[in-house]
Amino acid sequence: MANIKSAIKRVRVNNDSRLRNQALKSDLRTAVKHVETAVSNNDAAAAKTALLTASSKIDKAAQSGVIHRNKANRQKSNLTKRVNALGA
């Protein structure tokens, strides 16, 4: 354990950030899985609504730095392609 006051604060702040990032990432994965299950069940309406929420969560995760913006764009693109394939 750190002895210096600033080091103690850094440990606390890093732990808080880690927990926040973990929660965001978990929420993100859940949203993506909802889209994937809707696509696998051929439920176009559910897939479109799930895609909207997943896109929002992906953008928020990228904005806060949890995932890279290129990864966010790639994920959104791949999910959108799969949902659009249902309608065609």
PDB file of N, CA and C in Angstrom:
ATOM      1  N   MET A   1       0.845  -1.190   0.000  1.00  0.00           N
ATOM      2  CA  MET A   1       0.000   0.000   0.000  1.00  0.00           C
ATOM      3  C   MET A   1       0.879   1.238   0.000  1.00  0.00           C
ATOM      4  N   ALA A   2       0.440   2.257  -0.703  1.00  0.00           N
ATOM      5  CA  ALA A   2       1.206   3.501  -0.815  1.00  0.00           C
ATOM      6  C   ALA A   2       1.187   4.275   0.501  1.00  0.00           C
ATOM      7  N   ASN A   3       2.257   5.013   0.742  1.00  0.00           N
ATOM      8  CA  ASN A   3       2.358   5.819   1.960  1.00  0.00           C
ATOM      9  C   ASN A   3       2.134   7.301   1.690  1.00  0.00           C
ATOM     10  N   ILE A   4       2.460   7.726   0.482  1.00  0.00           N
ATOM     11  CA  ILE A   4       2.364   9.150   0.137  1.00  0.00           C
ATOM     12  C   ILE A   4       0.908   9.491  -0.167  1.00  0.00           C
ATOM     13  N   LYS A   5       0.497  10.670   0.279  1.00  0.00           N
ATOM     14  CA  LYS A   5      -0.907  11.078   0.165  1.00  0.00           C
ATOM     15  C   LYS A   5      -1.388  11.077  -1.291  1.00  0.00           C
ATOM     16  N   SER A   6      -0.574  11.603  -2.191  1.00  0.00           N
ATOM     17  CA  SER A   6      -0.983  11.663  -3.596  1.00  0.00           C
ATOM     18  C   SER A   6      -1.059  10.266  -4.210  1.00  0.00           C
ATOM     19  N   ALA A   7      -0.178   9.368  -3.764  1.00  0.00           N
ATOM     20  CA  ALA A   7      -0.203   8.003  -4.278  1.00  0.00           C
ATOM     21  C   ALA A   7      -1.443   7.256  -3.779  1.00  0.00           C
ATOM     22  N   ILE A   8      -1.822   7.536  -2.529  1.00  0.00           N
ATOM     23  CA  ILE A   8      -3.041   6.928  -1.975  1.00  0.00           C
ATOM     24  C   ILE A   8      -4.252   7.387  -2.780  1.00  0.00           C
ATOM     25  N   LYS A   9      -4.286   8.664  -3.115  1.00  0.00           N
ATOM     26  CA  LYS A   9      -5.412   9.192  -3.897  1.00  0.00           C
ATOM     27  C   LYS A   9      -5.432   8.575  -5.297  1.00  0.00           C
ATOM     28  N   ARG A  10      -4.251   8.410  -5.912  1.00  0.00           N
ATOM     29  CA  ARG A  10      -4.197   7.824  -7.251  1.00  0.00           C
ATOM     30  C   ARG A  10      -4.754   6.393  -7.226  1.00  0.00           C
ATOM     31  N   VAL A  11      -4.406   5.641  -6.178  1.00  0.00           N
ATOM     32  CA  VAL A  11      -4.921   4.273  -6.060  1.00  0.00           C
ATOM     33  C   VAL A  11      -6.438   4.291  -5.990  1.00  0.00           C
ATOM     34  N   ARG A  12      -6.978   5.213  -5.186  1.00  0.00           N
ATOM     35  CA  ARG A  12      -8.429   5.311  -5.031  1.00  0.00           C
ATOM     36  C   ARG A  12      -9.097   5.728  -6.341  1.00  0.00           C
ATOM     37  N   VAL A  13      -8.540   6.729  -6.992  1.00  0.00           N
ATOM     38  CA  VAL A  13      -9.112   7.229  -8.248  1.00  0.00           C
ATOM     39  C   VAL A  13      -9.034   6.163  -9.345  1.00  0.00           C
ATOM     40  N   ASN A  14      -7.905   5.470  -9.419  1.00  0.00           N
ATOM     41  CA  ASN A  14      -7.756   4.418 -10.432  1.00  0.00           C
ATOM     42  C   ASN A  14      -8.746   3.286 -10.207  1.00  0.00           C
ATOM     43  N   ASN A  15      -8.974   2.953  -8.945  1.00  0.00           N
ATOM     44  CA  ASN A  15      -9.934   1.896  -8.629  1.00  0.00           C
ATOM     45  C   ASN A  15     -11.348   2.311  -9.021  1.00  0.00           C
ATOM     46  N   ASP A  16     -11.703   3.564  -8.721  1.00  0.00           N
ATOM     47  CA  ASP A  16     -13.025   4.064  -9.102  1.00  0.00           C
ATOM     48  C   ASP A  16     -13.199   4.035 -10.620  1.00  0.00           C
ATOM     49  N   SER A  17     -12.163   4.472 -11.349  1.00  0.00           N
ATOM     50  CA  SER A  17     -12.229   4.480 -12.812  1.00  0.00           C
ATOM     51  C   SER A  17     -12.351   3.064 -13.354  1.00  0.00           C
ATOM     52  N   ARG A  18     -11.606   2.140 -12.764  1.00  0.00           N
ATOM     53  CA  ARG A  18     -11.639   0.752 -13.216  1.00  0.00           C
ATOM     54  C   ARG A  18     -13.045   0.173 -13.051  1.00  0.00           C
ATOM     55  N   LEU A  19     -13.660   0.440 -11.912  1.00  0.00           N
ATOM     56  CA  LEU A  19     -15.007  -0.076 -11.671  1.00  0.00           C
ATOM     57  C   LEU A  19     -16.023   0.545 -12.628  1.00  0.00           C
ATOM     58  N   ARG A  20     -15.876   1.854 -12.884  1.00  0.00           N
ATOM     59  CA  ARG A  20     -16.788   2.534 -13.808  1.00  0.00           C
ATOM     60  C   ARG A  20     -16.619   1.971 -15.220  1.00  0.00           C
ATOM     61  N   ASN A  21     -15.364   1.778 -15.647  1.00  0.00           N
ATOM     62  CA  ASN A  21     -15.099   1.246 -16.978  1.00  0.00           C
ATOM     63  C   ASN A  21     -15.627  -0.183 -17.118  1.00  0.00           C
ATOM     64  N   GLN A  22     -15.470  -0.965 -16.052  1.00  0.00           N
ATOM     65  CA  GLN A  22     -15.963  -2.332 -16.056  1.00  0.00           C
ATOM     66  C   GLN A  22     -17.473  -2.364 -16.262  1.00  0.00           C
ATOM     67  N   ALA A  23     -18.168  -1.491 -15.554  1.00  0.00           N
ATOM     68  CA  ALA A  23     -19.628  -1.439 -15.660  1.00  0.00           C
ATOM     69  C   ALA A  23     -20.054  -1.017 -17.064  1.00  0.00           C
ATOM     70  N   LEU A  24     -19.390  -0.008 -17.623  1.00  0.00           N
ATOM     71  CA  LEU A  24     -19.713   0.448 -18.978  1.00  0.00           C
ATOM     72  C   LEU A  24     -19.481  -0.664 -19.999  1.00  0.00           C
ATOM     73  N   LYS A  25     -18.360  -1.369 -19.860  1.00  0.00           N
ATOM     74  CA  LYS A  25     -18.023  -2.416 -20.801  1.00  0.00           C
ATOM     75  C   LYS A  25     -19.011  -3.574 -20.720  1.00  0.00           C
ATOM     76  N   SER A  26     -19.414  -3.907 -19.502  1.00  0.00           N
ATOM     77  CA  SER A  26     -20.376  -4.982 -19.308  1.00  0.00           C
ATOM     78  C   SER A  26     -21.719  -4.618 -19.927  1.00  0.00           C
ATOM     79  N   ASP A  27     -22.149  -3.383 -19.701  1.00  0.00           N
ATOM     80  CA  ASP A  27     -23.403  -2.896 -20.270  1.00  0.00           C
ATOM     81  C   ASP A  27     -23.334  -2.901 -21.797  1.00  0.00           C
ATOM     82  N   LEU A  28     -22.198  -2.535 -22.324  1.00  0.00           N
ATOM     83  CA  LEU A  28     -21.973  -2.513 -23.768  1.00  0.00           C
ATOM     84  C   LEU A  28     -22.088  -3.920 -24.350  1.00  0.00           C
ATOM     85  N   ARG A  29     -21.426  -4.883 -23.716  1.00  0.00           N
ATOM     86  CA  ARG A  29     -21.469  -6.259 -24.202  1.00  0.00           C
ATOM     87  C   ARG A  29     -22.897  -6.814 -24.180  1.00  0.00           C
ATOM     88  N   THR A  30     -23.627  -6.481 -23.129  1.00  0.00           N
ATOM     89  CA  THR A  30     -25.008  -6.949 -23.015  1.00  0.00           C
ATOM     90  C   THR A  30     -25.857  -6.388 -24.145  1.00  0.00           C
ATOM     91  N   ALA A  31     -25.691  -5.100 -24.436  1.00  0.00           N
ATOM     92  CA  ALA A  31     -26.460  -4.466 -25.512  1.00  0.00           C
ATOM     93  C   ALA A  31     -26.140  -5.111 -26.859  1.00  0.00           C
ATOM     94  N   VAL A  32     -24.879  -5.404 -27.101  1.00  0.00           N
ATOM     95  CA  VAL A  32     -24.475  -6.038 -28.366  1.00  0.00           C
ATOM     96  C   VAL A  32     -25.064  -7.439 -28.456  1.00  0.00           C
ATOM     97  N   LYS A  33     -25.084  -8.164 -27.328  1.00  0.00           N
ATOM     98  CA  LYS A  33     -25.645  -9.511 -27.341  1.00  0.00           C
ATOM     99  C   LYS A  33     -27.145  -9.486 -27.612  1.00  0.00           C
ATOM    100  N   HIS A  34     -27.825  -8.450 -27.138  1.00  0.00           N
ATOM    101  CA  HIS A  34     -29.260  -8.337 -27.420  1.00  0.00           C
ATOM    102  C   HIS A  34     -29.491  -8.199 -28.926  1.00  0.00           C
ATOM    103  N   VAL A  35     -28.643  -7.424 -29.590  1.00  0.00           N
ATOM    104  CA  VAL A  35     -28.763  -7.270 -31.046  1.00  0.00           C
ATOM    105  C   VAL A  35     -28.492  -8.611 -31.725  1.00  0.00           C
ATOM    106  N   GLU A  36     -27.430  -9.281 -31.292  1.00  0.00           N
ATOM    107  CA  GLU A  36     -27.058 -10.545 -31.928  1.00  0.00           C
ATOM    108  C   GLU A  36     -28.127 -11.618 -31.755  1.00  0.00           C
ATOM    109  N   THR A  37     -28.755 -11.681 -30.582  1.00  0.00           N
ATOM    110  CA  THR A  37     -29.809 -12.685 -30.380  1.00  0.00           C
ATOM    111  C   THR A  37     -31.041 -12.351 -31.212  1.00  0.00           C
ATOM    112  N   ALA A  38     -31.351 -11.063 -31.327  1.00  0.00           N
ATOM    113  CA  ALA A  38     -32.487 -10.665 -32.157  1.00  0.00           C
ATOM    114  C   ALA A  38     -32.232 -11.016 -33.620  1.00  0.00           C
ATOM    115  N   VAL A  39     -31.000 -10.822 -34.070  1.00  0.00           N
ATOM    116  CA  VAL A  39     -30.647 -11.160 -35.456  1.00  0.00           C
ATOM    117  C   VAL A  39     -30.720 -12.669 -35.663  1.00  0.00           C
ATOM    118  N   SER A  40     -30.222 -13.444 -34.696  1.00  0.00           N
ATOM    119  CA  SER A  40     -30.240 -14.904 -34.858  1.00  0.00           C
ATOM    120  C   SER A  40     -31.660 -15.469 -34.807  1.00  0.00           C
ATOM    121  N   ASN A  41     -32.570 -14.739 -34.124  1.00  0.00           N
ATOM    122  CA  ASN A  41     -33.969 -15.160 -34.081  1.00  0.00           C
ATOM    123  C   ASN A  41     -34.784 -14.604 -35.250  1.00  0.00           C
ATOM    124  N   ASN A  42     -34.133 -13.894 -36.154  1.00  0.00           N
ATOM    125  CA  ASN A  42     -34.778 -13.270 -37.319  1.00  0.00           C
ATOM    126  C   ASN A  42     -35.910 -12.327 -36.915  1.00  0.00           C
ATOM    127  N   ASP A  43     -35.718 -11.607 -35.830  1.00  0.00           N
ATOM    128  CA  ASP A  43     -36.704 -10.638 -35.343  1.00  0.00           C
ATOM    129  C   ASP A  43     -36.215  -9.233 -35.721  1.00  0.00           C
ATOM    130  N   ALA A  44     -36.675  -8.746 -36.858  1.00  0.00           N
ATOM    131  CA  ALA A  44     -36.169  -7.488 -37.399  1.00  0.00           C
ATOM    132  C   ALA A  44     -36.534  -6.297 -36.517  1.00  0.00           C
ATOM    133  N   ALA A  45     -37.758  -6.264 -36.016  1.00  0.00           N
ATOM    134  CA  ALA A  45     -38.187  -5.122 -35.202  1.00  0.00           C
ATOM    135  C   ALA A  45     -37.391  -5.034 -33.909  1.00  0.00           C
ATOM    136  N   ALA A  46     -37.209  -6.156 -33.245  1.00  0.00           N
ATOM    137  CA  ALA A  46     -36.435  -6.168 -31.995  1.00  0.00           C
ATOM    138  C   ALA A  46     -34.975  -5.840 -32.264  1.00  0.00           C
ATOM    139  N   ALA A  47     -34.465  -6.309 -33.402  1.00  0.00           N
ATOM    140  CA  ALA A  47     -33.064  -6.053 -33.745  1.00  0.00           C
ATOM    141  C   ALA A  47     -32.824  -4.565 -33.979  1.00  0.00           C
ATOM    142  N   LYS A  48     -33.790  -3.899 -34.622  1.00  0.00           N
ATOM    143  CA  LYS A  48     -33.621  -2.467 -34.890  1.00  0.00           C
ATOM    144  C   LYS A  48     -33.643  -1.652 -33.605  1.00  0.00           C
ATOM    145  N   THR A  49     -34.544  -1.967 -32.685  1.00  0.00           N
ATOM    146  CA  THR A  49     -34.582  -1.223 -31.422  1.00  0.00           C
ATOM    147  C   THR A  49     -33.350  -1.527 -30.580  1.00  0.00           C
ATOM    148  N   ALA A  50     -32.912  -2.791 -30.591  1.00  0.00           N
ATOM    149  CA  ALA A  50     -31.708  -3.160 -29.845  1.00  0.00           C
ATOM    150  C   ALA A  50     -30.480  -2.494 -30.448  1.00  0.00           C
ATOM    151  N   LEU A  51     -30.494  -2.332 -31.778  1.00  0.00           N
ATOM    152  CA  LEU A  51     -29.364  -1.674 -32.444  1.00  0.00           C
ATOM    153  C   LEU A  51     -29.254  -0.213 -32.026  1.00  0.00           C
ATOM    154  N   LEU A  52     -30.394   0.459 -31.890  1.00  0.00           N
ATOM    155  CA  LEU A  52     -30.365   1.860 -31.462  1.00  0.00           C
ATOM    156  C   LEU A  52     -29.747   2.011 -30.074  1.00  0.00           C
ATOM    157  N   THR A  53     -30.156   1.171 -29.139  1.00  0.00           N
ATOM    158  CA  THR A  53     -29.599   1.266 -27.790  1.00  0.00           C
ATOM    159  C   THR A  53     -28.131   0.859 -27.782  1.00  0.00           C
ATOM    160  N   ALA A  54     -27.786  -0.174 -28.550  1.00  0.00           N
ATOM    161  CA  ALA A  54     -26.391  -0.620 -28.602  1.00  0.00           C
ATOM    162  C   ALA A  54     -25.502   0.462 -29.203  1.00  0.00           C
ATOM    163  N   SER A  55     -25.976   1.126 -30.259  1.00  0.00           N
ATOM    164  CA  SER A  55     -25.186   2.195 -30.882  1.00  0.00           C
ATOM    165  C   SER A  55     -24.933   3.326 -29.897  1.00  0.00           C
ATOM    166  N   SER A  56     -25.953   3.659 -29.130  1.00  0.00           N
ATOM    167  CA  SER A  56     -25.800   4.713 -28.126  1.00  0.00           C
ATOM    168  C   SER A  56     -24.775   4.319 -27.078  1.00  0.00           C
ATOM    169  N   LYS A  57     -24.839   3.097 -26.599  1.00  0.00           N
ATOM    170  CA  LYS A  57     -23.900   2.633 -25.574  1.00  0.00           C
ATOM    171  C   LYS A  57     -22.482   2.541 -26.134  1.00  0.00           C
ATOM    172  N   ILE A  58     -22.361   2.123 -27.386  1.00  0.00           N
ATOM    173  CA  ILE A  58     -21.044   2.047 -28.023  1.00  0.00           C
ATOM    174  C   ILE A  58     -20.434   3.439 -28.126  1.00  0.00           C
ATOM    175  N   ASP A  59     -21.246   4.421 -28.546  1.00  0.00           N
ATOM    176  CA  ASP A  59     -20.756   5.792 -28.661  1.00  0.00           C
ATOM    177  C   ASP A  59     -20.319   6.349 -27.305  1.00  0.00           C
ATOM    178  N   LYS A  60     -21.108   6.084 -26.270  1.00  0.00           N
ATOM    179  CA  LYS A  60     -20.758   6.574 -24.938  1.00  0.00           C
ATOM    180  C   LYS A  60     -19.476   5.943 -24.428  1.00  0.00           C
ATOM    181  N   ALA A  61     -19.287   4.657 -24.702  1.00  0.00           N
ATOM    182  CA  ALA A  61     -18.070   3.972 -24.277  1.00  0.00           C
ATOM    183  C   ALA A  61     -16.852   4.527 -25.010  1.00  0.00           C
ATOM    184  N   ALA A  62     -17.013   4.839 -26.288  1.00  0.00           N
ATOM    185  CA  ALA A  62     -15.909   5.404 -27.058  1.00  0.00           C
ATOM    186  C   ALA A  62     -15.599   6.827 -26.593  1.00  0.00           C
ATOM    187  N   GLN A  63     -16.637   7.581 -26.273  1.00  0.00           N
ATOM    188  CA  GLN A  63     -16.454   8.962 -25.844  1.00  0.00           C
ATOM    189  C   GLN A  63     -15.722   9.034 -24.508  1.00  0.00           C
ATOM    190  N   SER A  64     -16.011   8.083 -23.623  1.00  0.00           N
ATOM    191  CA  SER A  64     -15.356   8.097 -22.317  1.00  0.00           C
ATOM    192  C   SER A  64     -14.004   7.389 -22.341  1.00  0.00           C
ATOM    193  N   GLY A  65     -13.634   6.805 -23.470  1.00  0.00           N
ATOM    194  CA  GLY A  65     -12.309   6.200 -23.604  1.00  0.00           C
ATOM    195  C   GLY A  65     -12.249   4.747 -23.175  1.00  0.00           C
ATOM    196  N   VAL A  66     -13.388   4.121 -22.949  1.00  0.00           N
ATOM    197  CA  VAL A  66     -13.401   2.720 -22.549  1.00  0.00           C
ATOM    198  C   VAL A  66     -12.982   1.842 -23.716  1.00  0.00           C
ATOM    199  N   ILE A  67     -13.464   2.171 -24.913  1.00  0.00           N
ATOM    200  CA  ILE A  67     -13.019   1.486 -26.121  1.00  0.00           C
ATOM    201  C   ILE A  67     -12.539   2.542 -27.120  1.00  0.00           C
ATOM    202  N   HIS A  68     -11.734   2.109 -28.064  1.00  0.00           N
ATOM    203  CA  HIS A  68     -11.201   3.023 -29.074  1.00  0.00           C
ATOM    204  C   HIS A  68     -12.298   3.407 -30.057  1.00  0.00           C
ATOM    205  N   ARG A  69     -12.223   4.614 -30.590  1.00  0.00           N
ATOM    206  CA  ARG A  69     -13.282   5.096 -31.489  1.00  0.00           C
ATOM    207  C   ARG A  69     -13.357   4.283 -32.773  1.00  0.00           C
ATOM    208  N   ASN A  70     -12.224   3.778 -33.243  1.00  0.00           N
ATOM    209  CA  ASN A  70     -12.262   2.938 -34.446  1.00  0.00           C
ATOM    210  C   ASN A  70     -12.970   1.612 -34.168  1.00  0.00           C
ATOM    211  N   LYS A  71     -12.736   1.062 -32.989  1.00  0.00           N
ATOM    212  CA  LYS A  71     -13.432  -0.174 -32.615  1.00  0.00           C
ATOM    213  C   LYS A  71     -14.923   0.082 -32.510  1.00  0.00           C
ATOM    214  N   ALA A  72     -15.287   1.230 -31.959  1.00  0.00           N
ATOM    215  CA  ALA A  72     -16.697   1.578 -31.824  1.00  0.00           C
ATOM    216  C   ALA A  72     -17.349   1.665 -33.207  1.00  0.00           C
ATOM    217  N   ASN A  73     -16.700   2.345 -34.126  1.00  0.00           N
ATOM    218  CA  ASN A  73     -17.244   2.484 -35.479  1.00  0.00           C
ATOM    219  C   ASN A  73     -17.346   1.128 -36.181  1.00  0.00           C
ATOM    220  N   ARG A  74     -16.347   0.283 -35.969  1.00  0.00           N
ATOM    221  CA  ARG A  74     -16.350  -1.047 -36.584  1.00  0.00           C
ATOM    222  C   ARG A  74     -17.498  -1.893 -36.028  1.00  0.00           C
ATOM    223  N   GLN A  75     -17.682  -1.841 -34.699  1.00  0.00           N
ATOM    224  CA  GLN A  75     -18.775  -2.602 -34.083  1.00  0.00           C
ATOM    225  C   GLN A  75     -20.131  -2.144 -34.590  1.00  0.00           C
ATOM    226  N   LYS A  76     -20.328  -0.830 -34.633  1.00  0.00           N
ATOM    227  CA  LYS A  76     -21.605  -0.298 -35.110  1.00  0.00           C
ATOM    228  C   LYS A  76     -21.845  -0.690 -36.557  1.00  0.00           C
ATOM    229  N   SER A  77     -20.809  -0.630 -37.375  1.00  0.00           N
ATOM    230  CA  SER A  77     -20.936  -0.972 -38.785  1.00  0.00           C
ATOM    231  C   SER A  77     -21.315  -2.444 -38.960  1.00  0.00           C
ATOM    232  N   ASN A  78     -20.637  -3.323 -38.230  1.00  0.00           N
ATOM    233  CA  ASN A  78     -20.920  -4.758 -38.358  1.00  0.00           C
ATOM    234  C   ASN A  78     -22.323  -5.100 -37.875  1.00  0.00           C
ATOM    235  N   LEU A  79     -22.728  -4.498 -36.771  1.00  0.00           N
ATOM    236  CA  LEU A  79     -24.077  -4.760 -36.260  1.00  0.00           C
ATOM    237  C   LEU A  79     -25.131  -4.241 -37.237  1.00  0.00           C
ATOM    238  N   THR A  80     -24.901  -3.048 -37.787  1.00  0.00           N
ATOM    239  CA  THR A  80     -25.853  -2.459 -38.725  1.00  0.00           C
ATOM    240  C   THR A  80     -25.992  -3.314 -39.982  1.00  0.00           C
ATOM    241  N   LYS A  81     -24.870  -3.834 -40.469  1.00  0.00           N
ATOM    242  CA  LYS A  81     -24.914  -4.709 -41.650  1.00  0.00           C
ATOM    243  C   LYS A  81     -25.767  -5.938 -41.382  1.00  0.00           C
ATOM    244  N   ARG A  82     -25.615  -6.520 -40.206  1.00  0.00           N
ATOM    245  CA  ARG A  82     -26.351  -7.736 -39.875  1.00  0.00           C
ATOM    246  C   ARG A  82     -27.849  -7.445 -39.718  1.00  0.00           C
ATOM    247  N   VAL A  83     -28.167  -6.298 -39.118  1.00  0.00           N
ATOM    248  CA  VAL A  83     -29.581  -5.946 -38.956  1.00  0.00           C
ATOM    249  C   VAL A  83     -30.204  -5.617 -40.302  1.00  0.00           C
ATOM    250  N   ASN A  84     -29.490  -4.892 -41.146  1.00  0.00           N
ATOM    251  CA  ASN A  84     -30.013  -4.542 -42.466  1.00  0.00           C
ATOM    252  C   ASN A  84     -30.186  -5.768 -43.347  1.00  0.00           C
ATOM    253  N   ALA A  85     -29.380  -6.799 -43.130  1.00  0.00           N
ATOM    254  CA  ALA A  85     -29.508  -8.022 -43.923  1.00  0.00           C
ATOM    255  C   ALA A  85     -30.831  -8.735 -43.623  1.00  0.00           C
ATOM    256  N   LEU A  86     -31.372  -8.505 -42.428  1.00  0.00           N
ATOM    257  CA  LEU A  86     -32.659  -9.121 -42.082  1.00  0.00           C
ATOM    258  C   LEU A  86     -33.791  -8.548 -42.934  1.00  0.00           C
ATOM    259  N   GLY A  87     -33.726  -7.230 -43.168  1.00  0.00           N
ATOM    260  CA  GLY A  87     -34.785  -6.572 -43.912  1.00  0.00           C
ATOM    261  C   GLY A  87     -34.762  -6.883 -45.396  1.00  0.00           C
ATOM    262  N   ALA A  88     -33.580  -7.206 -45.908  1.00  0.00           N
ATOM    263  CA  ALA A  88     -33.440  -7.428 -47.354  1.00  0.00           C
ATOM    264  C   ALA A  88     -33.855  -8.817 -47.771  1.00  0.00           C
TER     265      ALA A  88
END
